[in-house]
């Protein structure tokens, strides 16, 4: 009985030979033995006229990859096929990752052995580890093979279509990757949103109210039956109130006038409503980063109003709020300041 063991590197092959029993032969595949075409000369004649042949991926047939044996691997393949003659078992011992699993799969498809095939993996080259791996062989993990194949196809589709553009626009020799290209696209989209953003401004009023044994805040929500405009009512592309929103936009002069009128008006609770709520603690080590939304600057005024009403209330501090909507900052860019800062009133 003789067994052929195929690993990836010749150095590993020389090392594990001393730990294997007699009758075992170890050879190296020198990495991948099949790959997508690297140049036009690698494309088989029967596929040269197909439009997708330059990509090496048949985009017209469910993205089927076109695998060829590179010129520098043909000798290795011939030697492995010769080593396979006369053996009774084949053990594929490439690395236990996506690339290693894919190499084992390609070896199986390319060599097409007529003998039983086993998949052996080990994480250290010691006598004990090799013996344990021999007794715990498994089948090729097709999921890892498909993961590597998908990654390779995406690399080819993205790289071959975008890299020529980089050569023309930036510098020759640059390559576009499946991850970097998507990240750049997201950044460009966010930057276009930022440039299209238009700032808007709105004002509102807040007060802190004091009643027997209780203090609570109050905010002006409507005037004359019309809701007060807030940040959600603005169109980020125009900086104006969204068309169709029946809200009242307060400017500084109107807000100040309302403030003076409210100082002289009596305060009373007209109704009370209770709602259940859930409070959750903030996550630890929270890093604050300004994003899209409104920013405000409060201006405290002196407490002068003491009103008499059925439920006695008195206002402690008035806050006159001015809000300026700021353009969003791209996610992850912690070095750039907000696009605009709130004025101090």
Protein backbone atom coordinates (compact mmCIF):
# COMPACT_ATOMS: atom_id res chain seq x y z
CA UNK A 1 0.00 0.00 0.00
CA UNK A 2 1.33 3.44 -0.98
CA UNK A 3 -0.10 6.89 -0.32
CA UNK A 4 0.54 10.20 -2.07
CA UNK A 5 0.36 13.31 0.13
CA UNK A 6 0.19 16.72 -1.58
CA UNK A 7 1.02 19.89 0.35
CA UNK A 8 1.43 23.46 -0.89
CA UNK A 9 5.12 24.26 -0.38
CA UNK A 10 8.25 22.15 -0.99
CA UNK A 11 9.66 23.24 2.38
CA UNK A 12 6.66 21.78 4.18
CA UNK A 13 6.90 18.64 2.06
CA UNK A 14 10.53 18.04 3.10
CA UNK A 15 9.66 18.62 6.77
CA UNK A 16 6.67 16.30 7.14
CA UNK A 17 8.30 13.40 5.23
CA UNK A 18 10.22 12.47 8.38
CA UNK A 19 6.99 12.15 10.40
CA UNK A 20 5.06 9.91 7.98
CA UNK A 21 5.16 6.11 7.94
CA UNK A 22 6.87 4.12 5.19
CA UNK A 23 4.98 3.96 1.93
CA UNK A 24 4.01 7.66 2.05
CA UNK A 25 5.25 9.99 -0.68
CA UNK A 26 5.00 13.77 -0.24
CA UNK A 27 4.86 16.24 -3.13
CA UNK A 28 4.19 19.99 -3.35
CA UNK A 29 1.68 21.75 -5.59
CA UNK A 30 3.63 25.03 -5.39
CA UNK A 31 0.43 26.92 -4.56
CA UNK A 32 -2.48 27.08 -6.99
CA UNK A 33 -2.36 24.78 -10.01
CA UNK A 34 -5.30 26.44 -11.82
CA UNK A 35 -6.46 30.02 -12.08
CA UNK A 36 -8.36 32.47 -14.26
CA UNK A 37 -6.55 33.62 -17.45
CA UNK A 38 -4.00 36.34 -16.79
CA UNK A 39 -3.59 37.49 -20.40
CA UNK A 40 -5.14 37.05 -23.84
CA UNK A 41 -2.61 34.33 -24.67
CA UNK A 42 -3.94 32.19 -21.80
CA UNK A 43 -7.49 32.11 -23.17
CA UNK A 44 -8.34 28.81 -24.92
CA UNK A 45 -9.05 29.10 -28.63
CA UNK A 46 -12.67 27.95 -28.27
CA UNK A 47 -13.42 30.96 -26.01
CA UNK A 48 -11.35 33.73 -27.63
CA UNK A 49 -14.26 35.15 -29.63
CA UNK A 50 -16.58 35.39 -26.64
CA UNK A 51 -17.00 38.92 -25.29
CA UNK A 52 -16.55 37.74 -21.71
CA UNK A 53 -13.33 35.83 -22.39
CA UNK A 54 -11.10 38.76 -21.40
CA UNK A 55 -12.64 38.69 -17.94
CA UNK A 56 -12.21 34.95 -17.59
CA UNK A 57 -15.71 34.82 -16.13
CA UNK A 58 -18.74 33.90 -18.20
CA UNK A 59 -21.13 36.65 -17.12
CA UNK A 60 -23.73 35.21 -19.51
CA UNK A 61 -23.80 31.79 -17.77
CA UNK A 62 -24.24 32.41 -14.06
CA UNK A 63 -20.69 33.86 -13.71
CA UNK A 64 -19.02 30.55 -14.43
CA UNK A 65 -15.21 30.91 -14.07
CA UNK A 66 -12.87 29.85 -16.87
CA UNK A 67 -9.98 27.97 -15.26
CA UNK A 68 -6.71 27.31 -17.07
CA UNK A 69 -3.36 25.83 -16.04
CA UNK A 70 -0.78 28.66 -16.02
CA UNK A 71 2.29 28.05 -18.13
CA UNK A 72 4.60 27.92 -15.09
CA UNK A 73 2.43 25.23 -13.43
CA UNK A 74 2.14 22.77 -16.31
CA UNK A 75 5.37 21.01 -15.30
CA UNK A 76 4.12 20.70 -11.69
CA UNK A 77 0.84 19.19 -12.89
CA UNK A 78 2.68 16.65 -15.05
CA UNK A 79 4.87 15.63 -12.08
CA UNK A 80 1.84 15.24 -9.79
CA UNK A 81 0.02 13.11 -12.34
CA UNK A 82 3.12 10.94 -12.68
CA UNK A 83 3.41 10.64 -8.88
CA UNK A 84 -0.21 9.53 -8.70
CA UNK A 85 0.43 6.43 -10.78
CA UNK A 86 0.58 3.29 -8.71
CA UNK A 87 -0.67 4.78 -5.42
CA UNK A 88 -3.67 3.39 -3.56
CA UNK A 89 -4.67 6.57 -1.74
CA UNK A 90 -4.41 10.34 -2.20
CA UNK A 91 -4.26 12.72 0.76
CA UNK A 92 -4.68 16.45 0.12
CA UNK A 93 -2.90 18.30 2.93
CA UNK A 94 -3.06 21.93 1.84
CA UNK A 95 -3.66 24.74 4.35
CA UNK A 96 -6.93 24.91 6.26
CA UNK A 97 -8.23 28.19 4.86
CA UNK A 98 -10.19 29.29 1.80
CA UNK A 99 -7.15 29.26 -0.47
CA UNK A 100 -5.89 25.92 0.82
CA UNK A 101 -9.32 24.31 0.50
CA UNK A 102 -9.61 25.66 -3.02
CA UNK A 103 -6.20 24.26 -3.96
CA UNK A 104 -7.28 20.81 -2.76
CA UNK A 105 -10.48 21.07 -4.79
CA UNK A 106 -8.58 22.11 -7.93
CA UNK A 107 -6.13 19.23 -7.44
CA UNK A 108 -8.99 16.78 -7.18
CA UNK A 109 -10.71 18.17 -10.29
CA UNK A 110 -7.50 18.38 -12.28
CA UNK A 111 -5.83 15.07 -11.34
CA UNK A 112 -9.14 13.13 -11.38
CA UNK A 113 -7.68 10.26 -9.34
CA UNK A 114 -9.25 6.80 -9.46
CA UNK A 115 -8.20 6.09 -5.86
CA UNK A 116 -9.81 7.18 -2.57
CA UNK A 117 -9.22 10.82 -1.61
CA UNK A 118 -8.84 12.23 1.90
CA UNK A 119 -8.45 15.78 3.17
CA UNK A 120 -5.88 16.20 5.94
CA UNK A 121 -5.24 19.41 7.89
CA UNK A 122 -2.75 20.23 10.61
CA UNK A 123 -1.65 23.40 12.39
CA UNK A 124 1.84 22.44 13.49
CA UNK A 125 4.51 20.23 11.99
CA UNK A 126 5.26 17.78 14.76
CA UNK A 127 5.14 13.99 14.88
CA UNK A 128 2.14 14.03 17.21
CA UNK A 129 0.22 16.60 15.13
CA UNK A 130 0.85 14.68 11.88
CA UNK A 131 -0.28 11.36 13.42
CA UNK A 132 -3.40 13.00 14.83
CA UNK A 133 -4.20 14.56 11.45
CA UNK A 134 -3.80 11.23 9.66
CA UNK A 135 -6.37 9.66 11.96
CA UNK A 136 -8.82 12.56 11.60
CA UNK A 137 -9.12 13.13 7.85
CA UNK A 138 -12.27 14.62 6.35
CA UNK A 139 -13.82 15.55 2.99
CA UNK A 140 -13.18 18.78 1.12
CA UNK A 141 -15.27 21.62 2.53
CA UNK A 142 -17.30 22.79 -0.46
CA UNK A 143 -18.47 25.92 1.37
CA UNK A 144 -14.89 27.15 1.76
CA UNK A 145 -14.25 26.36 -1.89
CA UNK A 146 -17.28 28.38 -2.97
CA UNK A 147 -16.22 31.26 -0.71
CA UNK A 148 -12.77 31.42 -2.32
CA UNK A 149 -14.22 31.10 -5.81
CA UNK A 150 -16.69 33.92 -5.18
CA UNK A 151 -13.90 36.12 -3.85
CA UNK A 152 -11.73 35.38 -6.89
CA UNK A 153 -14.55 36.13 -9.32
CA UNK A 154 -15.35 39.42 -7.59
CA UNK A 155 -11.68 40.39 -7.69
CA UNK A 156 -11.63 39.77 -11.42
CA UNK A 157 -14.91 41.53 -12.24
CA UNK A 158 -14.08 44.61 -10.18
CA UNK A 159 -10.37 44.77 -10.97
CA UNK A 160 -10.58 44.24 -14.71
CA UNK A 161 -13.35 46.79 -15.18
CA UNK A 162 -12.14 49.57 -12.85
CA UNK A 163 -8.35 49.30 -12.98
CA UNK A 164 -8.08 50.68 -16.55
CA UNK A 165 -9.99 53.74 -15.40
CA UNK A 166 -7.48 54.27 -12.58
CA UNK A 167 -4.63 53.98 -15.05
CA UNK A 168 -6.12 56.78 -17.15
CA UNK A 169 -7.23 59.10 -14.35
CA UNK A 170 -4.63 58.57 -11.60
CA UNK A 171 -1.56 56.48 -12.34
CA UNK A 172 -0.66 53.39 -14.36
CA UNK A 173 -0.32 50.15 -12.44
CA UNK A 174 -2.95 50.83 -9.79
CA UNK A 175 -5.52 48.12 -9.19
CA UNK A 176 -9.10 48.31 -7.93
CA UNK A 177 -10.17 45.79 -5.30
CA UNK A 178 -13.56 44.40 -4.40
CA UNK A 179 -13.44 46.02 -0.92
CA UNK A 180 -11.69 49.33 -1.62
CA UNK A 181 -13.87 50.08 -4.64
CA UNK A 182 -17.09 49.72 -2.65
CA UNK A 183 -15.65 51.85 0.17
CA UNK A 184 -14.69 54.60 -2.27
CA UNK A 185 -18.18 54.48 -3.76
CA UNK A 186 -19.75 54.95 -0.32
CA UNK A 187 -17.43 57.87 0.41
CA UNK A 188 -18.32 59.52 -2.90
CA UNK A 189 -22.03 59.13 -2.21
CA UNK A 190 -21.67 60.68 1.25
CA UNK A 191 -19.61 63.53 -0.14
CA UNK A 192 -22.23 64.25 -2.79
CA UNK A 193 -24.90 64.31 -0.08
CA UNK A 194 -22.79 66.73 1.94
CA UNK A 195 -22.27 69.07 -0.99
CA UNK A 196 -25.97 69.00 -1.86
CA UNK A 197 -26.95 69.78 1.73
CA UNK A 198 -28.46 73.22 2.43
CA UNK A 199 -28.53 74.65 5.94
CA UNK A 200 -31.73 75.90 7.53
CA UNK A 201 -32.49 77.71 10.79
CA UNK A 202 -35.37 77.55 13.23
CA UNK A 203 -36.12 78.95 16.69
CA UNK A 204 -38.14 77.64 19.61
CA UNK A 205 -38.80 78.35 23.29
CA UNK A 206 -38.17 76.26 26.39
CA UNK A 207 -38.87 76.90 30.05
CA UNK A 208 -38.17 75.20 33.37
CA UNK A 209 -41.34 75.15 35.52
CA UNK A 210 -41.51 74.91 39.29
CA UNK A 211 -44.54 73.46 41.12
CA UNK A 212 -44.86 72.23 44.70
CA UNK A 213 -42.31 69.40 45.14
CA UNK A 214 -41.74 69.04 41.42
CA UNK A 215 -39.68 70.68 38.67
CA UNK A 216 -40.10 69.87 35.02
CA UNK A 217 -39.19 71.30 31.61
CA UNK A 218 -41.66 72.63 29.06
CA UNK A 219 -41.27 73.31 25.36
CA UNK A 220 -43.36 75.39 23.00
CA UNK A 221 -44.90 73.00 20.48
CA UNK A 222 -47.57 75.11 18.78
CA UNK A 223 -48.77 78.67 18.34
CA UNK A 224 -52.37 79.41 17.38
CA UNK A 225 -52.97 75.74 16.65
CA UNK A 226 -49.99 75.42 14.29
CA UNK A 227 -47.07 73.15 15.19
CA UNK A 228 -43.66 74.74 15.57
CA UNK A 229 -41.13 73.71 12.93
CA UNK A 230 -38.25 71.49 14.03
CA UNK A 231 -35.30 69.81 12.34
CA UNK A 232 -37.35 66.95 10.88
CA UNK A 233 -39.46 69.43 8.90
CA UNK A 234 -36.56 70.66 6.73
CA UNK A 235 -35.55 69.43 3.29
CA UNK A 236 -31.77 68.80 3.40
CA UNK A 237 -31.48 69.59 -0.33
CA UNK A 238 -33.01 73.07 -0.11
CA UNK A 239 -32.70 74.12 3.53
CA UNK A 240 -36.40 75.05 3.46
CA UNK A 241 -39.50 73.56 5.07
CA UNK A 242 -40.64 70.43 3.24
CA UNK A 243 -43.47 71.24 0.86
CA UNK A 244 -46.82 70.38 2.34
CA UNK A 245 -45.75 70.62 6.00
CA UNK A 246 -48.28 72.88 7.81
CA UNK A 247 -45.82 74.09 10.44
CA UNK A 248 -44.91 77.54 11.73
CA UNK A 249 -41.28 78.57 11.21
CA UNK A 250 -40.15 80.97 13.93
CA UNK A 251 -37.43 83.49 13.22
CA UNK A 252 -35.48 85.36 15.87
CA UNK A 253 -37.77 88.39 16.01
CA UNK A 254 -40.94 86.31 16.42
CA UNK A 255 -39.28 84.07 19.03
CA UNK A 256 -38.18 87.07 21.10
CA UNK A 257 -41.67 88.60 20.89
CA UNK A 258 -43.26 85.37 22.08
CA UNK A 259 -40.76 85.20 24.90
CA UNK A 260 -41.74 88.63 26.17
CA UNK A 261 -45.46 87.83 25.92
CA UNK A 262 -45.07 84.58 27.83
CA UNK A 263 -43.29 86.34 30.64
CA UNK A 264 -46.44 88.30 31.38
CA UNK A 265 -48.93 85.46 30.84
CA UNK A 266 -50.25 83.17 33.58
CA UNK A 267 -49.18 79.51 33.48
CA UNK A 268 -51.44 76.60 34.30
CA UNK A 269 -51.68 72.87 33.66
CA UNK A 270 -54.64 72.24 31.38
CA UNK A 271 -54.30 68.45 31.18
CA UNK A 272 -52.13 65.61 32.38
CA UNK A 273 -51.23 62.45 30.49
CA UNK A 274 -49.20 59.48 31.66
CA UNK A 275 -47.27 57.17 29.34
CA UNK A 276 -45.05 54.19 30.20
CA UNK A 277 -41.42 54.61 29.28
CA UNK A 278 -38.24 52.53 29.37
CA UNK A 279 -34.87 54.01 30.18
CA UNK A 280 -31.69 52.25 29.15
CA UNK A 281 -28.21 53.19 30.34
CA UNK A 282 -25.83 54.63 27.78
CA UNK A 283 -23.21 52.23 26.42
CA UNK A 284 -19.81 52.47 28.16
CA UNK A 285 -16.89 54.27 26.55
CA UNK A 286 -19.19 56.14 24.21
CA UNK A 287 -17.26 58.27 21.73
CA UNK A 288 -19.18 61.37 20.72
CA UNK A 289 -18.97 62.37 17.09
CA UNK A 290 -21.07 65.16 15.55
CA UNK A 291 -23.36 63.91 12.82
CA UNK A 292 -26.35 65.19 10.91
CA UNK A 293 -29.01 66.89 12.99
CA UNK A 294 -29.58 70.09 14.84
CA UNK A 295 -27.27 71.83 17.23
CA UNK A 296 -28.47 74.42 19.67
CA UNK A 297 -27.15 77.17 21.88
CA UNK A 298 -29.16 78.14 24.96
CA UNK A 299 -29.34 81.64 26.34
CA UNK A 300 -30.60 81.76 29.96
CA UNK A 301 -32.76 84.68 31.04
CA UNK A 302 -33.38 85.89 34.58
CA UNK A 303 -36.30 84.28 36.53
CA UNK A 304 -38.79 87.09 37.03
CA UNK A 305 -42.21 85.55 36.49
CA UNK A 306 -44.36 84.29 39.37
CA UNK A 307 -47.86 83.52 38.15
CA UNK A 308 -50.94 82.63 40.17
CA UNK A 309 -53.08 79.91 38.63
CA UNK A 310 -55.27 76.96 39.72
CA UNK A 311 -52.14 74.76 39.82
CA UNK A 312 -49.48 77.21 40.96
CA UNK A 313 -46.45 77.22 38.71
CA UNK A 314 -43.59 79.58 38.41
CA UNK A 315 -41.03 79.73 35.65
CA UNK A 316 -37.43 79.55 36.72
CA UNK A 317 -35.29 79.79 33.61
CA UNK A 318 -36.36 80.68 30.12
CA UNK A 319 -34.32 79.31 27.23
CA UNK A 320 -34.47 80.86 23.82
CA UNK A 321 -33.17 78.24 21.41
CA UNK A 322 -31.80 78.84 17.95
CA UNK A 323 -31.00 75.77 15.84
CA UNK A 324 -28.88 75.53 12.75
CA UNK A 325 -28.97 72.35 10.73
CA UNK A 326 -25.49 71.21 9.74
CA UNK A 327 -24.37 69.06 6.84
CA UNK A 328 -23.51 65.46 7.74
CA UNK A 329 -19.90 64.46 8.23
CA UNK A 330 -18.88 61.21 6.49
CA UNK A 331 -18.94 58.27 8.90
CA UNK A 332 -15.54 57.39 10.31
CA UNK A 333 -13.95 60.77 9.56
CA UNK A 334 -13.11 61.92 13.09
CA UNK A 335 -10.52 64.45 12.00
CA UNK A 336 -12.87 66.84 10.21
CA UNK A 337 -14.99 69.42 12.06
CA UNK A 338 -18.73 69.79 11.38
CA UNK A 339 -19.56 71.56 8.17
CA UNK A 340 -20.97 74.53 10.15
CA UNK A 341 -20.96 75.53 13.77
CA UNK A 342 -23.91 77.05 15.68
CA UNK A 343 -23.77 80.77 16.28
CA UNK A 344 -23.79 81.87 19.91
CA UNK A 345 -26.82 83.96 20.83
